[in-house]
Amino acid sequence: MQIFILFHLSLATAFDGEYLYYAGQKFELKNNLSKAFGNLLQYEIEDGENEAKTGSLTDLSLEEPGSYLLGLKLFGVLPVKSVSVSVAPALELIPGGHSVGIIMKTEGVIIVGFSSIPGEDGKMLYPSKDADLQLGDSILKINGISVSSDEQAAELIDRFGAEGFVEIEVRQGDQILTKKVETIACPETGTYRIGLYIRDDTGGVVTLTFYDKNSGRFGALGHRITAADPGTEGEKNLLGRLMPANITGIIPGEKGRTGEKIGYYNPGVIDGEIDTVGEFGIFGTLAEDLENPFYPVILPARPDQIKEGPAEIITVIEGDRLERFSVEILSVDRNADKKSKGLLIEVTDEELLEKTGGIIQGMSGSPIIQDGLLVGAVTHVLVDHPNKGYGCLIDCMLSEAGLI
C-alpha cells in the first residue's frame, strides 16, 4: 500500500505546470514518468461551456482553441491531478532568416553623439556630457514641452537658451530623469546649443524570424528596441517600416568586442509595416508572401518540446542568401521572467565561426530550428564569449504577434 501511495504521489507531481498546445495536436505528456504510465490514465476535460468528455489519455486530441481543465484519473477511478491546458490556433509558419532593414519611429529624439561648443575663452565645452546625458538616451521633453523631431528640439534649446540652461527630460534605460543642462551661445551658428547630435528615428539591420501566411503577420529581432515609440496602448499604430537588406561585409566578433553585419537597405520583395514593439521583438504585416528554400512551412515548438542538444539557425552573412548553420542548445529556461534569454546557445558550425566569430549584431531574430520545429530566435551575444549567446522561446514571440 505504501508503495502504491508513493507511486500515486510521484505521478501527480509529474504533471506540474501548465500545458500549451496547438489545435489538432495529439496531447503529449511532459516527462518520462508521466509518459511511461500515460496508458493507465483516463481523462475528463472541461472547457466551461460544453459537457465534460472522458476517455483514454493516449487518445486525446485537442481540436478547438481555448482554455481547458484536464482531470486525470488512474485506471479511470483514482484522481491523480487536474492540469490547465491552453490550446492555441493551429499555425503553419514560414521561418525567416532574411536580413531586413528597419526604420522605426522613436519616442522623442535619440542622442546619437556629442559635439563641442567653443566658449568665450576659446575653450571647448561639452555641456550635455557634463550633465550626464548618455548615448542612446531618448529626449522626451525640453522645459516641459514634448519633443517629436530633431528640428523642434534645436528650436526649443535656442528659444530657452538665453536663460542659461534648459531642463531636459530623458528616458535613460528604464528610468525617466530630468537633467539641467547649461546652454551656450555658439559663435559659429549664432544659436544657443548644448552640444548634442540627435535624430528622430532609429534603424538598422536585423533578421526576420517568422511569417504566418494566413494572417500576413511577421515577427523579427527577438528582443526589445528600447528607444521605439510603443504607440497607444491597446491599439496597433504604424511604428515603422521593414524592407530587405543586403549584407556587404562582416566585422567578426571577438572576446570583449561585438561583431556586426554591414549592409544596406535594398527595396525589393519584403515590404512590411511595423505595428507592435514588444519585449520579444517587432511585429507587423508583410505586403507579400515570404518564402524559405529550406522549410516551405514549419510548426512552432511547444515549450516542453524544446530540449538541450543540436539545432540550427538560418541567417544571411553575404548578400541576401539564406544559409543554415549548426548550433547547440546548452540550456532551456521556460521561466517567463527570463524574457529574451530563455535559451542559451553555442555556435558549433566551423564556417560560421571562421567568418563571424559566432553571434554578431544583425543576427538578432535568426530562427532557431530543432527537430524540424521552430523553437525560438537568436537575441543576444555573450560579449566575452562571442561563440555563445541567448535566444527567446518562439511562443513568446507568437503571443506578442497576436497569433496565440
Protein backbone atom coordinates (compact mmCIF):
# COMPACT_ATOMS: atom_id res chain seq x y z
CA MET A 1 0.00 0.00 0.00
CA GLN A 2 2.81 2.43 0.89
CA ILE A 3 4.48 1.75 -2.45
CA PHE A 4 1.21 2.45 -4.27
CA ILE A 5 0.71 5.72 -2.36
CA LEU A 6 4.26 6.86 -3.19
CA PHE A 7 3.69 5.94 -6.83
CA HIS A 8 0.45 7.90 -6.86
CA LEU A 9 2.11 10.98 -5.35
CA SER A 10 5.04 10.77 -7.76
CA LEU A 11 2.68 10.50 -10.71
CA ALA A 12 0.70 13.55 -9.55
CA THR A 13 3.91 15.58 -9.20
CA ALA A 14 4.91 14.64 -12.74
CA PHE A 15 2.06 16.74 -14.12
CA ASP A 16 3.10 20.05 -12.51
CA GLY A 17 2.81 23.16 -14.66
CA GLU A 18 0.58 24.39 -17.46
CA TYR A 19 0.36 22.86 -20.92
CA LEU A 20 0.35 24.76 -24.22
CA TYR A 21 -0.80 23.01 -27.39
CA TYR A 22 -1.77 23.96 -30.91
CA ALA A 23 -5.16 22.92 -32.27
CA GLY A 24 -5.16 19.48 -33.84
CA GLN A 25 -2.09 18.23 -31.96
CA LYS A 26 -2.25 14.97 -30.06
CA PHE A 27 -1.88 15.51 -26.31
CA GLU A 28 1.62 14.59 -25.13
CA LEU A 29 2.97 14.32 -21.62
CA LYS A 30 5.99 16.30 -20.48
CA ASN A 31 8.33 13.93 -18.66
CA ASN A 32 9.39 10.31 -18.67
CA LEU A 33 7.40 9.22 -15.61
CA SER A 34 4.10 10.60 -16.88
CA LYS A 35 4.80 9.24 -20.38
CA ALA A 36 5.59 5.76 -19.05
CA PHE A 37 2.27 5.41 -17.26
CA GLY A 38 0.10 7.54 -19.53
CA ASN A 39 -1.68 4.44 -20.85
CA LEU A 40 -3.04 3.83 -17.33
CA LEU A 41 -4.73 7.22 -17.18
CA GLN A 42 -8.21 8.34 -18.14
CA TYR A 43 -9.05 11.98 -18.78
CA GLU A 44 -12.04 14.18 -18.10
CA ILE A 45 -11.84 17.51 -19.88
CA GLU A 46 -13.91 20.62 -19.26
CA ASP A 47 -13.95 23.90 -21.17
CA GLY A 48 -16.51 25.68 -19.02
CA GLU A 49 -19.26 25.53 -21.67
CA ASN A 50 -19.76 22.04 -23.00
CA GLU A 51 -20.39 18.82 -21.14
CA ALA A 52 -17.31 17.08 -19.83
CA LYS A 53 -15.76 14.50 -22.14
CA THR A 54 -13.91 11.41 -20.96
CA GLY A 55 -11.66 8.78 -22.50
CA SER A 56 -8.20 7.28 -22.57
CA LEU A 57 -5.44 9.87 -22.25
CA THR A 58 -3.48 8.29 -25.11
CA ASP A 59 -6.41 9.02 -27.47
CA LEU A 60 -6.87 12.68 -26.51
CA SER A 61 -6.58 15.16 -29.38
CA LEU A 62 -7.21 18.86 -28.87
CA GLU A 63 -9.11 20.26 -31.84
CA GLU A 64 -10.55 23.61 -30.74
CA PRO A 65 -8.62 26.64 -29.43
CA GLY A 66 -9.43 27.64 -25.86
CA SER A 67 -8.59 27.05 -22.21
CA TYR A 68 -9.35 23.69 -20.67
CA LEU A 69 -9.15 21.97 -17.30
CA LEU A 70 -7.96 18.42 -17.73
CA GLY A 71 -8.75 15.98 -14.92
CA LEU A 72 -6.67 12.77 -14.79
CA LYS A 73 -7.65 9.52 -13.11
CA LEU A 74 -5.57 6.38 -12.63
CA PHE A 75 -7.45 3.35 -14.04
CA GLY A 76 -10.34 5.76 -14.56
CA VAL A 77 -11.11 5.72 -10.82
CA LEU A 78 -8.42 7.27 -8.63
CA PRO A 79 -7.98 11.07 -9.14
CA VAL A 80 -4.37 11.97 -9.91
CA LYS A 81 -4.22 15.61 -10.96
CA SER A 82 -6.03 18.48 -12.67
CA VAL A 83 -3.93 20.47 -15.12
CA SER A 84 -4.59 23.61 -17.15
CA VAL A 85 -4.32 23.23 -20.90
CA SER A 86 -4.25 26.18 -23.33
CA VAL A 87 -4.96 25.31 -26.95
CA ALA A 88 -3.78 27.92 -29.47
CA PRO A 89 -4.97 28.11 -33.09
CA ALA A 90 -3.13 25.79 -35.47
CA LEU A 91 -0.19 27.55 -37.12
CA GLU A 92 1.94 26.71 -40.11
CA LEU A 93 4.74 29.24 -40.23
CA ILE A 94 7.39 30.12 -42.77
CA PRO A 95 10.74 30.57 -40.99
CA GLY A 96 12.74 33.72 -41.67
CA GLY A 97 16.49 34.18 -41.66
CA HIS A 98 16.24 37.05 -44.16
CA SER A 99 18.24 40.19 -43.37
CA VAL A 100 15.90 43.17 -43.19
CA GLY A 101 16.34 46.86 -42.62
CA ILE A 102 14.07 48.60 -40.15
CA ILE A 103 13.25 52.26 -39.76
CA MET A 104 11.44 52.99 -36.50
CA LYS A 105 9.54 55.97 -35.24
CA THR A 106 11.08 56.77 -31.85
CA GLU A 107 9.87 58.03 -28.52
CA GLY A 108 11.11 61.62 -28.50
CA VAL A 109 14.51 62.08 -30.16
CA ILE A 110 17.58 59.92 -29.62
CA ILE A 111 21.04 61.12 -28.58
CA VAL A 112 23.47 59.67 -31.14
CA GLY A 113 26.57 61.76 -30.38
CA PHE A 114 28.16 64.68 -28.56
CA SER A 115 29.78 67.79 -30.00
CA SER A 116 31.95 70.50 -28.52
CA ILE A 117 31.00 74.19 -28.38
CA PRO A 118 33.65 76.95 -28.25
CA GLY A 119 33.37 79.10 -25.13
CA GLU A 120 34.18 82.78 -24.82
CA ASP A 121 37.80 82.00 -23.90
CA GLY A 122 38.15 79.57 -26.81
CA LYS A 123 37.96 76.50 -24.57
CA MET A 124 35.86 73.67 -25.99
CA LEU A 125 32.83 72.90 -23.80
CA TYR A 126 30.64 69.77 -23.53
CA PRO A 127 27.54 70.83 -21.55
CA SER A 128 25.46 67.72 -22.34
CA LYS A 129 28.26 65.35 -21.32
CA ASP A 130 28.79 67.37 -18.14
CA ALA A 131 25.07 66.94 -17.33
CA ASP A 132 25.45 63.14 -17.61
CA LEU A 133 23.32 62.72 -20.71
CA GLN A 134 24.25 59.45 -22.41
CA LEU A 135 24.33 57.96 -25.89
CA GLY A 136 21.05 56.22 -26.62
CA ASP A 137 19.00 58.38 -24.23
CA SER A 138 15.63 59.48 -25.60
CA ILE A 139 14.88 63.17 -25.07
CA LEU A 140 11.18 63.36 -24.24
CA LYS A 141 10.68 66.98 -23.16
CA ILE A 142 12.56 70.28 -23.13
CA ASN A 143 11.36 72.73 -20.47
CA GLY A 144 8.18 70.70 -20.17
CA ILE A 145 7.38 70.69 -23.90
CA SER A 146 7.13 67.27 -25.61
CA VAL A 147 9.69 66.74 -28.37
CA SER A 148 8.96 64.82 -31.57
CA SER A 149 11.68 65.88 -34.05
CA ASP A 150 15.31 66.94 -34.09
CA GLU A 151 14.37 70.30 -35.67
CA GLN A 152 11.90 71.00 -32.84
CA ALA A 153 14.49 70.09 -30.20
CA ALA A 154 17.04 72.52 -31.69
CA GLU A 155 14.41 75.28 -31.84
CA LEU A 156 13.40 74.81 -28.19
CA ILE A 157 17.02 74.84 -26.99
CA ASP A 158 17.64 78.08 -28.88
CA ARG A 159 14.36 79.62 -27.65
CA PHE A 160 15.07 78.98 -23.96
CA GLY A 161 18.84 79.23 -24.24
CA ALA A 162 19.04 82.86 -23.04
CA GLU A 163 18.00 81.66 -19.56
CA GLY A 164 21.38 79.96 -19.25
CA PHE A 165 20.07 76.41 -19.03
CA VAL A 166 17.30 74.07 -20.17
CA GLU A 167 15.62 71.20 -18.35
CA ILE A 168 15.82 68.01 -20.39
CA GLU A 169 13.54 65.07 -19.56
CA VAL A 170 15.08 61.85 -20.85
CA ARG A 171 14.40 58.15 -20.83
CA GLN A 172 17.66 56.57 -19.67
CA GLY A 173 17.29 52.81 -19.61
CA ASP A 174 14.18 52.06 -17.55
CA GLN A 175 14.23 55.46 -15.82
CA ILE A 176 12.71 58.85 -16.66
CA LEU A 177 15.17 61.53 -15.48
CA THR A 178 15.30 65.34 -15.63
CA LYS A 179 18.68 66.90 -16.35
CA LYS A 180 19.59 70.59 -16.03
CA VAL A 181 21.87 71.39 -18.96
CA GLU A 182 23.82 74.62 -19.49
CA THR A 183 23.14 76.46 -22.76
CA ILE A 184 25.95 78.17 -24.65
CA ALA A 185 25.70 80.83 -27.33
CA CYS A 186 27.60 79.35 -30.26
CA PRO A 187 29.60 81.96 -32.20
CA GLU A 188 29.67 79.71 -35.27
CA THR A 189 25.90 79.22 -35.67
CA GLY A 190 24.53 82.23 -33.80
CA THR A 191 22.22 79.97 -31.78
CA TYR A 192 22.15 78.52 -28.29
CA ARG A 193 23.36 74.93 -28.18
CA ILE A 194 24.01 72.16 -25.64
CA GLY A 195 26.43 70.02 -27.66
CA LEU A 196 24.33 67.12 -28.97
CA TYR A 197 23.77 65.15 -32.14
CA ILE A 198 20.20 63.83 -32.20
CA ARG A 199 17.81 62.13 -34.59
CA ASP A 200 14.10 61.36 -34.57
CA ASP A 201 14.17 57.82 -35.92
CA THR A 202 16.23 54.71 -35.38
CA GLY A 203 17.06 51.85 -37.67
CA GLY A 204 19.44 49.07 -38.52
CA VAL A 205 19.78 45.61 -39.97
CA VAL A 206 18.11 42.73 -38.11
CA THR A 207 16.83 39.27 -39.05
CA LEU A 208 13.27 38.17 -39.75
CA THR A 209 12.14 35.26 -37.54
CA PHE A 210 8.83 34.05 -38.96
CA TYR A 211 5.91 34.83 -41.25
CA ASP A 212 2.36 33.49 -40.86
CA LYS A 213 0.83 33.09 -44.31
CA ASN A 214 -2.77 33.01 -43.09
CA SER A 215 -2.66 36.33 -41.27
CA GLY A 216 0.26 38.02 -43.04
CA ARG A 217 1.88 38.68 -39.65
CA PHE A 218 5.65 38.61 -39.16
CA GLY A 219 8.00 38.68 -36.19
CA ALA A 220 11.63 39.78 -36.06
CA LEU A 221 14.51 40.66 -33.74
CA GLY A 222 13.56 38.64 -30.60
CA HIS A 223 14.24 41.42 -28.08
CA ARG A 224 13.02 44.92 -27.32
CA ILE A 225 14.06 48.12 -29.08
CA THR A 226 14.20 50.39 -26.05
CA ALA A 227 14.00 53.68 -27.96
CA ALA A 228 10.99 52.76 -30.08
CA ASP A 229 7.70 54.54 -29.52
CA PRO A 230 5.22 51.90 -28.25
CA GLY A 231 2.23 53.90 -29.50
CA THR A 232 -1.16 53.96 -27.82
CA GLU A 233 -1.78 51.02 -25.51
CA GLY A 234 -4.32 48.60 -26.89
CA GLU A 235 -4.03 49.91 -30.46
CA LYS A 236 -1.87 48.93 -33.41
CA ASN A 237 -0.24 52.01 -34.90
CA LEU A 238 2.27 52.34 -37.73
CA LEU A 239 5.54 52.46 -35.78
CA GLY A 240 7.96 51.80 -38.58
CA ARG A 241 8.73 50.06 -41.82
CA LEU A 242 10.62 46.93 -42.80
CA MET A 243 12.46 46.29 -46.08
CA PRO A 244 15.09 43.91 -47.49
CA ALA A 245 18.78 44.39 -46.72
CA ASN A 246 21.90 43.18 -48.49
CA ILE A 247 24.91 42.18 -46.39
CA THR A 248 28.12 43.56 -47.87
CA GLY A 249 30.58 42.72 -45.11
CA ILE A 250 31.17 41.19 -41.70
CA ILE A 251 33.07 42.53 -38.71
CA PRO A 252 33.84 39.31 -36.79
CA GLY A 253 33.16 39.19 -33.06
CA GLU A 254 35.95 38.55 -30.62
CA LYS A 255 36.32 38.48 -26.85
CA GLY A 256 35.29 41.87 -25.46
CA ARG A 257 34.04 43.19 -28.81
CA THR A 258 30.73 42.53 -30.53
CA GLY A 259 30.92 41.89 -34.26
CA GLU A 260 28.30 43.07 -36.71
CA LYS A 261 26.81 42.68 -40.16
CA ILE A 262 27.42 45.57 -42.54
CA GLY A 263 24.63 46.09 -45.01
CA TYR A 264 22.38 48.49 -46.85
CA TYR A 265 18.67 48.77 -47.45
CA ASN A 266 17.68 47.26 -50.77
CA PRO A 267 13.98 47.81 -51.62
CA GLY A 268 12.53 44.60 -53.00
CA VAL A 269 10.06 41.83 -52.28
CA ILE A 270 9.98 42.28 -48.50
CA ASP A 271 7.80 45.26 -47.66
CA GLY A 272 6.32 45.44 -44.19
CA GLU A 273 4.65 47.74 -41.71
CA ILE A 274 5.67 47.50 -38.05
CA ASP A 275 2.73 48.00 -35.70
CA THR A 276 3.86 46.34 -32.46
CA VAL A 277 7.02 46.69 -30.37
CA GLY A 278 7.26 44.19 -27.52
CA GLU A 279 9.65 42.53 -25.13
CA PHE A 280 10.35 39.85 -27.74
CA GLY A 281 10.81 41.91 -30.89
CA ILE A 282 8.95 43.83 -33.54
CA PHE A 283 5.81 42.64 -35.27
CA GLY A 284 3.61 43.69 -38.14
CA THR A 285 2.29 42.74 -41.56
CA LEU A 286 4.03 41.97 -44.86
CA ALA A 287 2.56 43.12 -48.16
CA GLU A 288 3.67 39.93 -49.97
CA ASP A 289 4.16 36.29 -49.00
CA LEU A 290 7.58 35.20 -47.76
CA GLU A 291 9.47 32.11 -48.95
CA ASN A 292 12.18 29.98 -47.36
CA PRO A 293 14.05 27.44 -49.52
CA PHE A 294 14.78 25.10 -46.60
CA TYR A 295 11.36 24.95 -44.93
CA PRO A 296 8.31 25.84 -47.04
CA VAL A 297 6.28 25.64 -43.82
CA ILE A 298 7.20 24.80 -40.23
CA LEU A 299 5.34 24.18 -36.99
CA PRO A 300 6.19 26.11 -33.82
CA ALA A 301 7.57 24.08 -30.92
CA ARG A 302 5.72 23.92 -27.64
CA PRO A 303 7.94 24.94 -24.71
CA ASP A 304 8.04 21.35 -23.43
CA GLN A 305 9.31 20.11 -26.83
CA ILE A 306 12.47 22.23 -26.71
CA LYS A 307 15.48 20.41 -25.28
CA GLU A 308 19.22 20.63 -24.89
CA GLY A 309 21.09 19.35 -27.91
CA PRO A 310 21.83 20.02 -31.60
CA ALA A 311 19.87 22.64 -33.52
CA GLU A 312 20.42 25.06 -36.38
CA ILE A 313 19.93 28.72 -37.19
CA ILE A 314 19.07 30.34 -40.52
CA THR A 315 20.68 33.68 -41.30
CA VAL A 316 22.41 35.74 -44.02
CA ILE A 317 26.13 36.51 -43.95
CA GLU A 318 26.59 37.54 -47.58
CA GLY A 319 24.23 39.34 -49.96
CA ASP A 320 20.69 38.12 -49.42
CA ARG A 321 21.41 34.37 -49.46
CA LEU A 322 19.87 32.32 -46.65
CA GLU A 323 22.21 29.74 -45.09
CA ARG A 324 21.85 27.12 -42.35
CA PHE A 325 24.42 26.81 -39.56
CA SER A 326 24.69 24.30 -36.73
CA VAL A 327 24.36 25.35 -33.10
CA GLU A 328 23.93 23.59 -29.76
CA ILE A 329 21.19 24.46 -27.29
CA LEU A 330 23.03 24.40 -23.96
CA SER A 331 20.10 25.15 -21.66
CA VAL A 332 16.38 25.90 -21.76
CA ASP A 333 14.68 28.17 -19.22
CA ARG A 334 10.91 28.30 -19.59
CA ASN A 335 10.55 30.95 -16.88
CA ALA A 336 8.70 33.89 -18.47
CA ASP A 337 10.73 36.34 -16.36
CA LYS A 338 13.80 35.44 -18.43
CA LYS A 339 12.22 37.31 -21.34
CA SER A 340 14.66 37.29 -24.25
CA LYS A 341 17.12 34.86 -22.63
CA GLY A 342 15.14 31.64 -22.43
CA LEU A 343 17.70 29.72 -24.49
CA LEU A 344 21.48 29.56 -24.13
CA ILE A 345 23.08 28.52 -27.42
CA GLU A 346 26.57 27.90 -28.75
CA VAL A 347 27.65 28.15 -32.37
CA THR A 348 29.30 24.89 -33.44
CA ASP A 349 29.42 25.47 -37.20
CA GLU A 350 33.06 25.87 -38.27
CA GLU A 351 32.23 28.01 -41.30
CA LEU A 352 30.17 30.47 -39.27
CA LEU A 353 32.83 30.64 -36.55
CA GLU A 354 35.51 31.37 -39.16
CA LYS A 355 33.51 34.12 -40.89
CA THR A 356 31.79 35.83 -37.94
CA GLY A 357 33.42 34.52 -34.76
CA GLY A 358 29.98 33.35 -33.64
CA ILE A 359 26.96 35.55 -32.95
CA ILE A 360 27.13 39.17 -34.14
CA GLN A 361 24.89 42.21 -34.31
CA GLY A 362 22.38 41.84 -37.10
CA MET A 363 21.77 38.16 -36.31
CA SER A 364 19.10 39.04 -33.74
CA GLY A 365 15.91 37.34 -34.87
CA SER A 366 17.60 34.47 -36.72
CA PRO A 367 15.25 31.50 -36.35
CA ILE A 368 16.43 28.55 -34.24
CA ILE A 369 15.18 25.19 -35.50
CA GLN A 370 15.35 21.84 -33.72
CA ASP A 371 13.90 18.52 -34.88
CA GLY A 372 12.07 20.27 -37.70
CA LEU A 373 10.28 22.69 -35.34
CA LEU A 374 10.74 26.44 -34.92
CA VAL A 375 11.86 26.76 -31.30
CA GLY A 376 12.99 30.39 -30.96
CA ALA A 377 15.14 33.26 -32.19
CA VAL A 378 18.67 34.48 -31.54
CA THR A 379 18.64 37.58 -29.30
CA HIS A 380 21.99 38.39 -27.64
CA VAL A 381 25.67 37.54 -27.78
CA LEU A 382 27.89 36.93 -24.76
CA VAL A 383 30.47 39.67 -25.30
CA ASP A 384 33.31 37.74 -23.64
CA HIS A 385 32.33 34.51 -25.46
CA PRO A 386 31.09 35.50 -28.94
CA ASN A 387 30.56 31.87 -29.90
CA LYS A 388 27.72 31.79 -27.34
CA GLY A 389 24.54 33.76 -26.94
CA TYR A 390 20.90 33.78 -25.94
CA GLY A 391 17.60 33.19 -27.65
CA CYS A 392 13.94 33.64 -26.81
CA LEU A 393 11.27 30.93 -27.00
CA ILE A 394 9.04 31.09 -30.06
CA ASP A 395 5.75 31.02 -28.11
CA CYS A 396 6.74 34.37 -26.53
CA MET A 397 7.07 35.95 -29.97
CA LEU A 398 3.87 34.36 -31.28
CA SER A 399 1.96 35.69 -28.30
CA GLU A 400 3.17 39.27 -28.82
CA ALA A 401 2.39 38.98 -32.54
CA GLY A 402 -1.22 38.21 -31.60
CA LEU A 403 -1.13 34.73 -33.15
CA ILE A 404 -1.70 32.70 -29.97
